[in-house]
Amino acid sequence: MTPAFENLLQELKHLPGLGFRSAERIAMHLLVEQPETLEALMESMVAARAAVRRCESCGNLAESAECAVCEDERRSPSSLCVVEHVPDLIAIERSSAWKGKYHVLHGKLSPIHGIGPQDLNFQSLIERIEAGGISEFVLALSNDIEGQATCHYIQEEIVGDRPIKVTRIGFGLPSGGGVTYADSVTLRSALEGRRDYL
């Protein structure tokens, strides 16, 4: 292997879900088997880096100030589905079970990993509450200790005594499992079977 190829492998291995073998296959595909695809991939990555940002309202992917979901006037602005990451939002959207809007935290509270409230997308959530019009939060966070702690923080510190109904999905989601990898039927059941939180 050449030093440049080895360097490419090391960079590819940093991507989530890629080990040595997967990184090697991708590198070989791009450099040896289909080198004509490399230029288009590089151009699309540079273009996406320049264009894609976080939605100022909810934290979803956007190419303008707000994402397509936030701009959609057919969706109920009074109900927010709070998720950990953008892939969770995408998974719920695929289920077609949610007609409200979203809020992406970009993680969950985890003191053991040094992730506190200041590291998550809580400030814009507070701003959305203070702007008024929100009557329900659906907490679609993973069913683990950090997810539970994040739900508790939202209930106690963000919502507090405001007249906002807080529900939690969980029906059909395995303990310790996340939203991203659940199938559409399970997600629909989880949303339809949501219950009051606390």
Protein backbone atom coordinates (compact mmCIF):
# COMPACT_ATOMS: atom_id res chain seq x y z
CA MET A 1 0.00 0.00 0.00
CA THR A 2 1.13 3.51 -0.69
CA PRO A 3 1.27 6.20 2.01
CA ALA A 4 -1.52 8.17 0.29
CA PHE A 5 -3.75 5.08 0.14
CA GLU A 6 -3.03 4.31 3.79
CA ASN A 7 -3.91 7.87 4.74
CA LEU A 8 -7.22 7.59 2.86
CA LEU A 9 -7.99 4.34 4.71
CA GLN A 10 -7.32 5.99 8.06
CA GLU A 11 -9.67 8.88 7.22
CA LEU A 12 -12.42 6.54 6.00
CA LYS A 13 -12.13 4.45 9.18
CA HIS A 14 -13.08 7.54 11.20
CA LEU A 15 -16.54 7.51 9.58
CA PRO A 16 -19.26 5.85 11.68
CA GLY A 17 -19.95 2.24 10.84
CA LEU A 18 -16.77 1.73 8.80
CA GLY A 19 -14.09 -0.69 9.91
CA PHE A 20 -10.87 -1.58 8.12
CA ARG A 21 -12.46 -3.91 5.55
CA SER A 22 -15.28 -1.50 4.63
CA ALA A 23 -12.84 1.41 4.38
CA GLU A 24 -10.56 -0.69 2.17
CA ARG A 25 -13.46 -1.66 -0.15
CA ILE A 26 -14.57 1.96 -0.51
CA ALA A 27 -11.04 3.17 -1.16
CA MET A 28 -10.47 0.47 -3.80
CA HIS A 29 -13.81 1.25 -5.42
CA LEU A 30 -13.04 4.97 -5.65
CA LEU A 31 -9.42 4.72 -6.72
CA VAL A 32 -9.20 1.53 -8.77
CA GLU A 33 -12.57 0.08 -9.80
CA GLN A 34 -14.63 3.23 -10.48
CA PRO A 35 -12.23 6.19 -10.37
CA GLU A 36 -14.62 8.28 -12.49
CA THR A 37 -17.04 8.43 -9.53
CA LEU A 38 -14.46 10.04 -7.24
CA GLU A 39 -14.66 13.54 -8.76
CA ALA A 40 -18.46 13.66 -8.56
CA LEU A 41 -18.38 12.45 -4.95
CA MET A 42 -15.81 15.08 -3.98
CA GLU A 43 -17.80 17.84 -5.68
CA SER A 44 -21.06 16.81 -4.00
CA MET A 45 -19.37 16.69 -0.59
CA VAL A 46 -17.88 20.17 -1.03
CA ALA A 47 -21.24 21.51 -2.25
CA ALA A 48 -23.10 19.91 0.67
CA ARG A 49 -20.59 21.30 3.14
CA ALA A 50 -21.14 24.79 1.77
CA ALA A 51 -24.94 24.57 1.53
CA VAL A 52 -26.20 22.38 4.37
CA ARG A 53 -26.62 23.81 7.85
CA ARG A 54 -28.79 23.37 10.90
CA CYS A 55 -32.32 24.73 10.76
CA GLU A 56 -32.40 27.78 13.03
CA SER A 57 -35.73 26.69 14.47
CA CYS A 58 -35.54 22.94 15.03
CA GLY A 59 -31.97 21.81 14.29
CA ASN A 60 -32.84 19.64 11.26
CA LEU A 61 -30.78 19.78 8.05
CA ALA A 62 -31.56 22.84 5.95
CA GLU A 63 -30.19 24.88 3.08
CA SER A 64 -31.88 28.10 4.20
CA ALA A 65 -32.78 29.54 7.61
CA GLU A 66 -35.49 26.92 8.13
CA CYS A 67 -35.89 23.32 7.00
CA ALA A 68 -38.71 22.01 4.80
CA VAL A 69 -40.60 20.62 7.82
CA CYS A 70 -40.58 23.95 9.67
CA GLU A 71 -41.68 25.77 6.51
CA ASP A 72 -44.56 23.35 5.88
CA GLU A 73 -47.73 25.21 6.94
CA ARG A 74 -49.77 21.99 6.82
CA ARG A 75 -47.97 20.65 9.88
CA SER A 76 -49.24 21.42 13.38
CA PRO A 77 -46.94 24.02 15.01
CA SER A 78 -48.39 23.32 18.47
CA SER A 79 -46.93 19.78 18.78
CA LEU A 80 -43.20 19.12 18.83
CA CYS A 81 -41.58 15.71 18.55
CA VAL A 82 -38.23 15.96 20.35
CA VAL A 83 -35.54 13.63 18.95
CA GLU A 84 -31.85 13.07 19.61
CA HIS A 85 -30.46 13.21 16.08
CA VAL A 86 -31.48 14.04 12.50
CA PRO A 87 -31.57 10.32 11.50
CA ASP A 88 -34.25 9.85 14.19
CA LEU A 89 -36.33 12.60 12.57
CA ILE A 90 -35.87 10.96 9.16
CA ALA A 91 -36.95 7.57 10.54
CA ILE A 92 -40.12 9.04 12.05
CA GLU A 93 -40.87 10.92 8.82
CA ARG A 94 -40.61 7.63 6.92
CA SER A 95 -43.30 6.16 9.19
CA SER A 96 -45.75 8.95 8.17
CA ALA A 97 -47.09 8.82 11.73
CA TRP A 98 -46.24 12.36 12.82
CA LYS A 99 -48.00 15.47 11.51
CA GLY A 100 -46.49 17.99 13.91
CA LYS A 101 -43.05 19.59 13.91
CA TYR A 102 -39.74 18.50 15.39
CA HIS A 103 -36.91 19.59 17.61
CA VAL A 104 -33.49 17.94 17.26
CA LEU A 105 -31.30 17.97 20.39
CA HIS A 106 -28.16 16.63 18.64
CA GLY A 107 -27.48 14.21 21.45
CA LYS A 108 -28.62 13.41 24.96
CA LEU A 109 -27.42 14.28 28.44
CA SER A 110 -24.52 12.08 29.50
CA PRO A 111 -22.44 13.33 32.45
CA ILE A 112 -20.19 10.30 32.11
CA HIS A 113 -19.22 11.51 28.61
CA GLY A 114 -19.12 15.17 29.65
CA ILE A 115 -22.32 16.12 27.77
CA GLY A 116 -24.36 18.66 29.72
CA PRO A 117 -27.34 20.88 28.88
CA GLN A 118 -25.06 23.52 27.36
CA ASP A 119 -23.89 20.98 24.75
CA LEU A 120 -27.38 20.23 23.40
CA ASN A 121 -29.91 22.21 21.37
CA PHE A 122 -31.92 23.34 24.40
CA GLN A 123 -31.67 27.11 23.94
CA SER A 124 -33.70 27.20 20.74
CA LEU A 125 -36.21 24.82 22.38
CA ILE A 126 -36.67 27.33 25.21
CA GLU A 127 -37.04 30.13 22.65
CA ARG A 128 -39.75 28.16 20.84
CA ILE A 129 -41.65 27.67 24.09
CA GLU A 130 -41.34 31.32 25.01
CA ALA A 131 -42.65 32.35 21.58
CA GLY A 132 -45.89 30.61 22.56
CA GLY A 133 -48.27 28.27 20.76
CA ILE A 134 -46.75 24.95 21.85
CA SER A 135 -49.19 22.64 23.64
CA GLU A 136 -47.47 19.22 23.44
CA PHE A 137 -44.02 17.68 23.52
CA VAL A 138 -43.59 14.10 22.34
CA LEU A 139 -40.28 12.82 23.69
CA ALA A 140 -38.94 10.36 21.12
CA LEU A 141 -35.62 9.68 22.81
CA SER A 142 -33.85 6.37 23.24
CA ASN A 143 -35.01 4.06 25.97
CA ASP A 144 -31.79 4.05 28.01
CA ILE A 145 -30.45 5.84 31.10
CA GLU A 146 -29.23 8.91 29.18
CA GLY A 147 -32.50 9.14 27.25
CA GLN A 148 -34.49 8.94 30.48
CA ALA A 149 -32.29 11.59 32.11
CA THR A 150 -32.79 13.89 29.10
CA CYS A 151 -36.57 13.40 29.25
CA HIS A 152 -36.53 14.20 32.96
CA TYR A 153 -34.46 17.35 32.35
CA ILE A 154 -36.88 18.55 29.66
CA GLN A 155 -39.88 17.88 31.94
CA GLU A 156 -38.38 19.54 35.01
CA GLU A 157 -36.12 22.29 33.68
CA ILE A 158 -37.52 23.21 30.26
CA VAL A 159 -41.27 22.67 30.59
CA GLY A 160 -41.58 23.11 34.35
CA ASP A 161 -45.04 24.34 35.32
CA ARG A 162 -45.96 25.57 31.85
CA PRO A 163 -49.26 24.19 30.52
CA ILE A 164 -47.60 21.87 28.00
CA LYS A 165 -48.56 18.21 27.77
CA VAL A 166 -45.46 15.99 27.79
CA THR A 167 -45.77 12.49 26.36
CA ARG A 168 -43.16 9.82 25.81
CA ILE A 169 -42.97 7.16 23.14
CA GLY A 170 -41.77 3.76 24.19
CA PHE A 171 -44.38 1.21 23.15
CA GLY A 172 -42.71 -1.18 20.73
CA LEU A 173 -39.20 0.22 21.17
CA PRO A 174 -36.81 -2.26 22.80
CA SER A 175 -35.10 -1.24 26.03
CA GLY A 176 -31.79 0.38 25.14
CA GLY A 177 -32.87 0.75 21.52
CA GLY A 178 -32.98 3.93 19.52
CA VAL A 179 -35.42 5.50 17.11
CA THR A 180 -33.15 5.43 14.07
CA TYR A 181 -33.10 1.65 13.62
CA ALA A 182 -36.76 0.92 14.42
CA ASP A 183 -38.97 -0.06 11.50
CA SER A 184 -41.87 2.12 10.33
CA VAL A 185 -44.60 -0.05 11.86
CA THR A 186 -42.88 -0.01 15.25
CA LEU A 187 -42.44 3.76 15.10
CA ARG A 188 -46.07 4.28 14.15
CA SER A 189 -47.13 2.12 17.12
CA ALA A 190 -44.78 4.02 19.40
CA LEU A 191 -46.18 7.39 18.36
CA GLU A 192 -49.79 6.27 18.49
CA GLY A 193 -49.23 4.60 21.86
CA ARG A 194 -47.48 7.53 23.48
CA ARG A 195 -48.29 8.17 27.13
CA ASP A 196 -48.01 11.01 29.60
CA TYR A 197 -44.48 11.48 30.81
CA LEU A 198 -44.24 11.44 34.62
